[in-house]
Protein backbone atom coordinates (compact mmCIF):
# COMPACT_ATOMS: atom_id res chain seq x y z
CA MET A 1 106.73 23.95 82.23
CA THR A 2 105.84 20.06 80.89
CA ALA A 3 108.20 16.99 81.62
CA LYS A 4 108.89 17.53 77.64
CA GLN A 5 110.12 20.53 77.90
CA ARG A 6 112.30 20.61 80.98
CA LEU A 7 113.75 17.22 79.10
CA ARG A 8 114.10 19.54 76.24
CA ALA A 9 115.76 22.12 77.70
CA ASP A 10 117.76 19.52 79.53
CA MET A 11 119.04 17.42 76.28
CA LEU A 12 119.52 21.26 74.68
CA ARG A 13 122.32 21.89 77.45
CA ARG A 14 124.00 18.48 77.21
CA ARG A 15 124.64 19.17 72.97
CA ASP A 16 125.78 22.63 73.52
CA ALA A 17 128.02 21.63 75.79
CA PHE A 18 129.36 18.95 74.10
CA ARG A 19 132.06 19.22 72.06
CA GLY A 20 133.12 16.51 69.27
CA VAL A 21 133.58 16.31 65.50
CA PHE A 22 131.15 14.14 63.45
CA ALA A 23 132.90 12.08 61.19
CA PRO A 24 130.41 8.77 61.18
CA ASP A 25 131.44 5.77 59.08
CA PRO A 26 129.74 6.27 55.95
CA ALA A 27 129.43 2.81 54.72
CA PRO A 28 126.21 1.87 56.48
CA PHE A 29 124.30 5.22 54.18
CA LEU A 30 126.24 4.18 51.38
CA ALA A 31 124.77 0.98 51.54
CA LEU A 32 121.49 2.62 51.11
CA ALA A 33 122.93 5.46 48.57
CA ARG A 34 122.38 5.22 44.55
CA PRO A 35 122.71 7.38 42.25
CA GLY A 36 119.39 9.15 41.22
CA MET A 37 117.62 8.88 44.80
CA VAL A 38 116.80 12.27 47.24
CA VAL A 39 118.51 12.60 50.13
CA ALA A 40 116.75 15.05 52.37
CA SER A 41 118.85 16.62 55.19
CA TYR A 42 119.62 19.58 56.95
CA VAL A 43 122.35 23.02 57.34
CA ALA A 44 123.38 22.21 61.02
CA VAL A 45 122.64 25.34 63.20
CA GLY A 46 124.66 26.13 66.52
CA ASN A 47 125.93 23.02 67.86
CA GLU A 48 124.08 20.11 66.26
CA ALA A 49 125.18 17.53 64.35
CA ASP A 50 126.50 18.98 60.74
CA PRO A 51 125.34 15.91 58.64
CA ALA A 52 127.86 17.94 55.97
CA PRO A 53 130.12 14.41 55.66
CA LEU A 54 126.76 12.74 54.77
CA HIS A 55 126.23 15.20 52.25
CA ASP A 56 129.49 14.47 51.01
CA ALA A 57 128.55 10.57 50.53
CA ALA A 58 125.44 10.76 49.07
CA ARG A 59 126.78 13.10 46.54
CA ALA A 60 129.93 10.84 45.51
CA ALA A 61 127.10 8.13 45.58
CA GLY A 62 125.26 9.97 42.75
CA ALA A 63 122.37 10.94 44.86
CA ARG A 64 120.07 14.72 44.58
CA LEU A 65 120.28 16.56 47.64
CA ALA A 66 117.31 18.64 49.54
CA LEU A 67 116.78 20.64 52.04
CA PRO A 68 113.80 21.85 54.33
CA HIS A 69 112.30 24.63 53.34
CA THR A 70 109.87 26.48 56.29
CA VAL A 71 108.07 29.67 56.90
CA SER A 72 106.32 29.47 60.02
CA ARG A 73 105.69 26.68 62.73
CA ALA A 74 102.46 26.37 61.42
CA GLU A 75 103.04 25.89 57.71
CA PRO A 76 104.64 22.15 56.59
CA ILE A 77 108.02 21.99 55.83
CA ARG A 78 108.66 20.94 52.20
CA PHE A 79 112.44 19.72 50.64
CA LEU A 80 113.43 21.58 47.90
CA ALA A 81 116.54 20.89 45.77
CA TRP A 82 119.72 22.36 46.82
CA ASP A 83 123.07 21.92 44.40
CA GLY A 84 125.70 23.03 47.15
CA GLY A 85 124.97 26.63 46.21
CA PRO A 86 123.47 29.81 48.16
CA LEU A 87 120.94 29.76 51.02
CA GLU A 88 118.60 32.25 52.04
CA PRO A 89 118.36 33.08 55.55
CA GLY A 90 114.97 31.28 57.00
CA PRO A 91 112.94 31.62 60.23
CA PHE A 92 114.51 29.97 63.41
CA GLY A 93 117.71 30.81 62.50
CA LEU A 94 117.72 28.09 59.12
CA ARG A 95 119.39 28.62 56.35
CA GLN A 96 117.19 26.65 53.25
CA PRO A 97 117.18 26.51 49.75
CA PRO A 98 115.15 29.29 47.73
CA ALA A 99 110.91 28.88 47.64
CA GLU A 100 111.20 28.92 44.07
CA ALA A 101 113.50 25.48 44.22
CA PRO A 102 112.26 22.55 42.57
CA GLU A 103 110.09 19.98 45.46
CA LEU A 104 111.66 16.67 45.91
CA ALA A 105 110.39 13.97 47.30
CA PRO A 106 113.36 12.12 49.83
CA ASP A 107 114.23 8.45 49.48
CA VAL A 108 115.92 9.27 52.46
CA VAL A 109 115.49 11.70 55.62
CA LEU A 110 118.41 12.79 57.75
CA ALA A 111 116.91 14.72 60.85
CA PRO A 112 118.85 16.67 63.37
CA LEU A 113 117.60 15.46 66.57
CA VAL A 114 117.04 17.21 70.43
CA GLY A 115 117.55 14.03 71.75
CA PHE A 116 116.94 10.11 70.83
CA ASP A 117 116.32 6.55 72.18
CA ARG A 118 117.47 3.34 70.49
CA ARG A 119 113.76 1.92 70.18
CA GLY A 120 113.92 4.77 67.05
CA ASN A 121 112.12 7.39 69.23
CA ARG A 122 112.81 11.11 68.39
CA LEU A 123 112.82 14.37 70.05
CA GLY A 124 112.82 17.23 68.07
CA TRP A 125 112.00 20.78 68.93
CA GLY A 126 107.99 20.18 69.67
CA ALA A 127 106.72 22.36 66.47
CA GLY A 128 106.10 19.08 64.16
CA HIS A 129 107.87 19.89 61.71
CA TYR A 130 108.90 16.08 61.20
CA ASP A 131 106.40 14.56 62.24
CA ARG A 132 104.13 15.72 59.79
CA ALA A 133 106.67 15.35 56.76
CA PHE A 134 107.89 11.49 57.78
CA ALA A 135 103.48 10.80 58.03
CA THR A 136 103.21 12.33 54.28
CA LEU A 137 106.91 10.05 53.40
CA PRO A 138 105.98 6.51 54.55
CA ASP A 139 108.31 4.82 52.30
CA ALA A 140 111.22 7.34 53.33
CA ARG A 141 114.11 6.27 55.33
CA ARG A 142 114.20 8.39 58.57
CA ILE A 143 117.31 8.74 60.02
CA GLY A 144 117.83 10.87 63.14
CA VAL A 145 121.53 12.85 63.21
CA ALA A 146 123.18 13.85 66.58
CA TRP A 147 125.68 14.22 69.30
CA SER A 148 125.93 10.89 71.83
CA VAL A 149 124.92 12.77 74.47
CA GLN A 150 121.69 12.82 73.09
CA GLU A 151 121.06 9.61 73.72
CA THR A 152 118.25 9.54 76.59
CA ALA A 153 115.38 8.00 77.62
CA LEU A 154 111.99 8.81 75.71
CA GLU A 155 108.11 8.14 75.74
CA PRO A 156 106.91 8.50 72.14
CA ASP A 157 103.08 10.39 71.11
CA ALA A 158 100.44 9.16 69.69
CA TRP A 159 101.88 11.16 66.42
CA ASP A 160 105.42 10.33 66.82
CA VAL A 161 106.70 8.54 64.03
CA PRO A 162 109.94 6.53 64.71
CA LEU A 163 113.29 6.44 62.96
CA HIS A 164 114.89 3.38 61.11
CA ALA A 165 118.73 4.26 62.48
CA VAL A 166 120.36 7.33 64.01
CA VAL A 167 123.71 8.06 63.67
CA THR A 168 126.12 9.94 65.85
CA GLU A 169 129.86 10.83 65.70
CA LYS A 170 130.62 7.49 67.42
CA GLU A 171 128.39 4.42 65.61
CA TRP A 172 125.23 3.53 63.31
CA ILE A 173 122.04 2.45 65.76
CA ALA A 174 119.81 0.26 63.37
CA ILE A 175 116.76 0.19 64.73
């Protein structure tokens, strides 16, 4: 097991042991939101911090929502329109829009985190889905969503794309 795999396992244990309510202050998010913009988010799996309050804020601001759609670890994720309707089961326990939903280019991406630091570095699941997506969306605001217990020291790899902010149940961390 590599150091990064050990860190990932430790962070997942921390996350899964944590019990809290994810109700962040929506003001920093609403300052970004505008009618017609596209906010890509996700549906929480297990004990991931649930971005649903940010979905509500985005909709209230007139933004459109998109969710990731994936078919395998090797294939890139696509962000597909989601109007709040039914989702289909996807790989890795994900719930995602149907494959025929329109693909949207996000202005903001809310990304689930395994770990993060205050320099904008993120630790994900290790498949590189979000790093590859971020590389194709250089102008999108990248906001990590996590529990505060997921903060740790990280050394980024050359391919890691930093976040612009992280939101936890306690605070917004602008990078």
